[in-house]
Amino acid sequence: MSGVLLVPLTREEWAMLREGRTLSSHDAYAPTAALGETFDLEELEEVERAALLVASVASLLASGERLVASVEAAFDVDHESHLGKAHVAGLTMADVGAYFVDGPEAADAVAAAVAATPGLDLDTAWETAEVQALLEHDLLWHGPTEPLPVPA
């Protein structure tokens, strides 16, 4: 399958991409029908936003901040996943159309979500009040050549 997917990243992985290196294998989230059904969404734009939010929580769990790349690439969908989980191989900076991070105004909400979710899986973390509060903060869009902001 090929198309848009949202890739949760760490700062180290982003730096690797910016250096011209390839991420050989990575989990991602795609706007699948199952994801749309999970959140009772029908419009593609809404399902893409849901995939962005799910990827942002996966990034938070992995790195303590929300950093998500929007990419156009070939991927394999996990058909068992209700959250649109996918797998992408051979990801390069050329695949990245944009990236998203929290702005400084979300710093307290990020810290609260990180403190509330150690050791939790994605489904459980999603349900916490702290993550739900964090999801009220819009992620900021950046072009792929823009420098990654310093975390607040």
C-alpha atoms as a PDB file:
ATOM      1  CA  MET A   1       0.000   0.000   0.000  1.00  0.00           C
ATOM      2  CA  SER A   2       1.185   3.555  -0.612  1.00  0.00           C
ATOM      3  CA  GLY A   3       0.002   6.916   0.638  1.00  0.00           C
ATOM      4  CA  VAL A   4       0.116   9.357   3.516  1.00  0.00           C
ATOM      5  CA  LEU A   5       1.086   8.098   6.899  1.00  0.00           C
ATOM      6  CA  LEU A   6       2.072   9.667  10.175  1.00  0.00           C
ATOM      7  CA  VAL A   7       5.332   8.534  11.714  1.00  0.00           C
ATOM      8  CA  PRO A   8       6.060   9.049  15.426  1.00  0.00           C
ATOM      9  CA  LEU A   9       9.713   9.985  15.838  1.00  0.00           C
ATOM     10  CA  THR A  10      12.284  10.712  18.482  1.00  0.00           C
ATOM     11  CA  ARG A  11      14.650  13.674  18.135  1.00  0.00           C
ATOM     12  CA  GLU A  12      17.446  11.204  17.393  1.00  0.00           C
ATOM     13  CA  GLU A  13      15.498   9.658  14.528  1.00  0.00           C
ATOM     14  CA  TRP A  14      14.656  13.120  13.158  1.00  0.00           C
ATOM     15  CA  ALA A  15      18.355  14.030  13.299  1.00  0.00           C
ATOM     16  CA  MET A  16      19.213  10.839  11.388  1.00  0.00           C
ATOM     17  CA  LEU A  17      16.745  11.768   8.647  1.00  0.00           C
ATOM     18  CA  ARG A  18      18.084  15.337   8.494  1.00  0.00           C
ATOM     19  CA  GLU A  19      21.627  13.947   8.147  1.00  0.00           C
ATOM     20  CA  GLY A  20      20.504  12.043   5.043  1.00  0.00           C
ATOM     21  CA  ARG A  21      20.356   8.654   6.714  1.00  0.00           C
ATOM     22  CA  THR A  22      17.576   6.117   6.186  1.00  0.00           C
ATOM     23  CA  LEU A  23      15.311   4.688   8.878  1.00  0.00           C
ATOM     24  CA  SER A  24      15.298   1.067   7.814  1.00  0.00           C
ATOM     25  CA  SER A  25      12.154   0.077   9.666  1.00  0.00           C
ATOM     26  CA  HIS A  26       9.574   2.079  11.586  1.00  0.00           C
ATOM     27  CA  ASP A  27       6.030   1.924  12.950  1.00  0.00           C
ATOM     28  CA  ALA A  28       3.588   4.517  11.657  1.00  0.00           C
ATOM     29  CA  TYR A  29      -0.136   5.287  11.619  1.00  0.00           C
ATOM     30  CA  ALA A  30      -2.282   5.459   8.504  1.00  0.00           C
ATOM     31  CA  PRO A  31      -5.774   6.862   7.952  1.00  0.00           C
ATOM     32  CA  THR A  32      -7.358   3.424   7.610  1.00  0.00           C
ATOM     33  CA  ALA A  33     -11.019   2.460   7.590  1.00  0.00           C
ATOM     34  CA  ALA A  34     -10.490   0.717  10.956  1.00  0.00           C
ATOM     35  CA  LEU A  35      -9.158   3.945  12.469  1.00  0.00           C
ATOM     36  CA  GLY A  36     -12.142   5.837  11.104  1.00  0.00           C
ATOM     37  CA  GLU A  37     -14.488   3.259  12.601  1.00  0.00           C
ATOM     38  CA  THR A  38     -12.708   3.420  15.975  1.00  0.00           C
ATOM     39  CA  PHE A  39     -13.364   7.149  16.235  1.00  0.00           C
ATOM     40  CA  ASP A  40     -16.622   7.145  14.252  1.00  0.00           C
ATOM     41  CA  LEU A  41     -15.153   9.340  11.499  1.00  0.00           C
ATOM     42  CA  GLU A  42     -16.047   9.281   7.825  1.00  0.00           C
ATOM     43  CA  GLU A  43     -14.211  12.184   6.177  1.00  0.00           C
ATOM     44  CA  LEU A  44     -10.647  11.396   5.100  1.00  0.00           C
ATOM     45  CA  GLU A  45      -9.341  14.661   6.568  1.00  0.00           C
ATOM     46  CA  GLU A  46     -10.792  13.718   9.977  1.00  0.00           C
ATOM     47  CA  VAL A  47      -9.265  10.233   9.816  1.00  0.00           C
ATOM     48  CA  GLU A  48      -5.881  11.716   8.842  1.00  0.00           C
ATOM     49  CA  ARG A  49      -6.095  14.028  11.866  1.00  0.00           C
ATOM     50  CA  ALA A  50      -6.921  11.034  14.085  1.00  0.00           C
ATOM     51  CA  ALA A  51      -3.857   9.214  12.688  1.00  0.00           C
ATOM     52  CA  LEU A  52      -1.759  12.301  13.497  1.00  0.00           C
ATOM     53  CA  LEU A  53      -3.039  12.353  17.076  1.00  0.00           C
ATOM     54  CA  VAL A  54      -2.495   8.620  17.581  1.00  0.00           C
ATOM     55  CA  ALA A  55       1.045   8.936  16.191  1.00  0.00           C
ATOM     56  CA  SER A  56       1.646  11.902  18.497  1.00  0.00           C
ATOM     57  CA  VAL A  57       0.751   9.838  21.563  1.00  0.00           C
ATOM     58  CA  ALA A  58       2.984   6.994  20.332  1.00  0.00           C
ATOM     59  CA  SER A  59       5.818   9.531  20.028  1.00  0.00           C
ATOM     60  CA  LEU A  60       5.075  10.872  23.502  1.00  0.00           C
ATOM     61  CA  LEU A  61       5.312   7.364  24.957  1.00  0.00           C
ATOM     62  CA  ALA A  62       8.598   6.694  23.151  1.00  0.00           C
ATOM     63  CA  SER A  63      10.364   9.986  23.719  1.00  0.00           C
ATOM     64  CA  GLY A  64       8.516  12.233  26.161  1.00  0.00           C
ATOM     65  CA  GLU A  65       7.400  14.679  23.483  1.00  0.00           C
ATOM     66  CA  ARG A  66       5.153  14.725  20.441  1.00  0.00           C
ATOM     67  CA  LEU A  67       7.133  14.710  17.178  1.00  0.00           C
ATOM     68  CA  VAL A  68       5.404  13.314  14.100  1.00  0.00           C
ATOM     69  CA  ALA A  69       6.454  13.320  10.450  1.00  0.00           C
ATOM     70  CA  SER A  70       3.880  13.275   7.679  1.00  0.00           C
ATOM     71  CA  VAL A  71       5.254  11.129   4.870  1.00  0.00           C
ATOM     72  CA  GLU A  72       4.239   9.800   1.496  1.00  0.00           C
ATOM     73  CA  ALA A  73       5.605   6.268   1.233  1.00  0.00           C
ATOM     74  CA  ALA A  74       4.860   2.625   0.661  1.00  0.00           C
ATOM     75  CA  PHE A  75       3.796   0.811   3.817  1.00  0.00           C
ATOM     76  CA  ASP A  76       2.225  -2.340   5.190  1.00  0.00           C
ATOM     77  CA  VAL A  77      -0.938  -2.006   7.257  1.00  0.00           C
ATOM     78  CA  ASP A  78      -1.446  -4.034  10.406  1.00  0.00           C
ATOM     79  CA  HIS A  79      -4.952  -5.283   9.625  1.00  0.00           C
ATOM     80  CA  GLU A  80      -5.455  -6.257  13.264  1.00  0.00           C
ATOM     81  CA  SER A  81      -4.951  -2.688  14.480  1.00  0.00           C
ATOM     82  CA  HIS A  82      -7.965  -0.534  15.264  1.00  0.00           C
ATOM     83  CA  LEU A  83      -5.623   2.479  15.440  1.00  0.00           C
ATOM     84  CA  GLY A  84      -4.326   2.351  11.865  1.00  0.00           C
ATOM     85  CA  LYS A  85      -0.923   0.961  12.793  1.00  0.00           C
ATOM     86  CA  ALA A  86       1.338   0.456   9.805  1.00  0.00           C
ATOM     87  CA  HIS A  87       4.970  -0.366   9.086  1.00  0.00           C
ATOM     88  CA  VAL A  88       7.247   1.602   6.770  1.00  0.00           C
ATOM     89  CA  ALA A  89      10.707   0.584   5.601  1.00  0.00           C
ATOM     90  CA  GLY A  90      13.417   2.678   4.009  1.00  0.00           C
ATOM     91  CA  LEU A  91      12.145   6.055   5.225  1.00  0.00           C
ATOM     92  CA  THR A  92      14.224   9.033   4.063  1.00  0.00           C
ATOM     93  CA  MET A  93      13.958  12.798   4.364  1.00  0.00           C
ATOM     94  CA  ALA A  94      12.737  12.895   0.756  1.00  0.00           C
ATOM     95  CA  ASP A  95       9.572  11.106   1.938  1.00  0.00           C
ATOM     96  CA  VAL A  96       8.779  13.782   4.544  1.00  0.00           C
ATOM     97  CA  GLY A  97       6.237  16.437   3.574  1.00  0.00           C
ATOM     98  CA  ALA A  98       6.017  18.111   6.982  1.00  0.00           C
ATOM     99  CA  TYR A  99       6.520  17.515  10.652  1.00  0.00           C
ATOM    100  CA  PHE A 100       4.497  18.407  13.729  1.00  0.00           C
ATOM    101  CA  VAL A 101       5.531  19.265  17.301  1.00  0.00           C
ATOM    102  CA  ASP A 102       3.959  20.907  20.313  1.00  0.00           C
ATOM    103  CA  GLY A 103       4.368  24.620  20.802  1.00  0.00           C
ATOM    104  CA  PRO A 104       5.686  26.115  24.037  1.00  0.00           C
ATOM    105  CA  GLU A 105       2.156  26.730  25.335  1.00  0.00           C
ATOM    106  CA  ALA A 106       1.689  22.950  25.616  1.00  0.00           C
ATOM    107  CA  ALA A 107       4.748  22.399  27.843  1.00  0.00           C
ATOM    108  CA  ASP A 108       2.786  21.873  31.076  1.00  0.00           C
ATOM    109  CA  ALA A 109       0.311  19.525  29.371  1.00  0.00           C
ATOM    110  CA  VAL A 110       3.182  17.534  27.827  1.00  0.00           C
ATOM    111  CA  ALA A 111       4.873  17.230  31.230  1.00  0.00           C
ATOM    112  CA  ALA A 112       1.614  16.089  32.856  1.00  0.00           C
ATOM    113  CA  ALA A 113       0.992  13.500  30.128  1.00  0.00           C
ATOM    114  CA  VAL A 114       4.549  12.160  30.398  1.00  0.00           C
ATOM    115  CA  ALA A 115       4.220  11.870  34.191  1.00  0.00           C
ATOM    116  CA  ALA A 116       0.899  10.009  33.871  1.00  0.00           C
ATOM    117  CA  THR A 117       1.925   7.455  31.237  1.00  0.00           C
ATOM    118  CA  PRO A 118       5.187   5.667  32.139  1.00  0.00           C
ATOM    119  CA  GLY A 119       4.993   2.036  31.119  1.00  0.00           C
ATOM    120  CA  LEU A 120       1.517   2.345  29.573  1.00  0.00           C
ATOM    121  CA  ASP A 121       0.614   0.974  26.171  1.00  0.00           C
ATOM    122  CA  LEU A 122      -0.913   3.255  23.551  1.00  0.00           C
ATOM    123  CA  ASP A 123      -4.533   2.260  24.187  1.00  0.00           C
ATOM    124  CA  THR A 124      -4.238   2.764  27.952  1.00  0.00           C
ATOM    125  CA  ALA A 125      -2.299   6.030  27.644  1.00  0.00           C
ATOM    126  CA  TRP A 126      -4.885   7.376  25.189  1.00  0.00           C
ATOM    127  CA  GLU A 127      -7.591   7.027  27.835  1.00  0.00           C
ATOM    128  CA  THR A 128      -5.791   8.990  30.572  1.00  0.00           C
ATOM    129  CA  ALA A 129      -7.144  12.419  31.448  1.00  0.00           C
ATOM    130  CA  GLU A 130      -3.671  13.919  31.010  1.00  0.00           C
ATOM    131  CA  VAL A 131      -3.307  12.672  27.424  1.00  0.00           C
ATOM    132  CA  GLN A 132      -6.826  13.795  26.590  1.00  0.00           C
ATOM    133  CA  ALA A 133      -5.958  17.254  27.959  1.00  0.00           C
ATOM    134  CA  LEU A 134      -2.770  17.297  25.863  1.00  0.00           C
ATOM    135  CA  LEU A 135      -4.754  16.426  22.739  1.00  0.00           C
ATOM    136  CA  GLU A 136      -6.604  19.732  23.185  1.00  0.00           C
ATOM    137  CA  HIS A 137      -3.340  21.441  22.190  1.00  0.00           C
ATOM    138  CA  ASP A 138      -2.879  21.604  18.428  1.00  0.00           C
ATOM    139  CA  LEU A 139       0.404  20.388  17.063  1.00  0.00           C
ATOM    140  CA  LEU A 140       2.340  22.988  15.092  1.00  0.00           C
ATOM    141  CA  TRP A 141       3.077  22.317  11.425  1.00  0.00           C
ATOM    142  CA  HIS A 142       6.630  22.757  10.123  1.00  0.00           C
ATOM    143  CA  GLY A 143       8.074  22.301   6.653  1.00  0.00           C
ATOM    144  CA  PRO A 144      10.653  19.517   6.435  1.00  0.00           C
ATOM    145  CA  THR A 145      13.568  21.941   6.043  1.00  0.00           C
ATOM    146  CA  GLU A 146      12.644  24.054   9.068  1.00  0.00           C
ATOM    147  CA  PRO A 147      14.821  23.480  12.148  1.00  0.00           C
ATOM    148  CA  LEU A 148      13.321  21.401  14.927  1.00  0.00           C
ATOM    149  CA  PRO A 149      12.324  23.735  17.776  1.00  0.00           C
ATOM    150  CA  VAL A 150      14.035  23.338  21.129  1.00  0.00           C
ATOM    151  CA  PRO A 151      11.599  21.708  23.583  1.00  0.00           C
ATOM    152  CA  ALA A 152      10.068  24.051  26.137  1.00  0.00           C
END
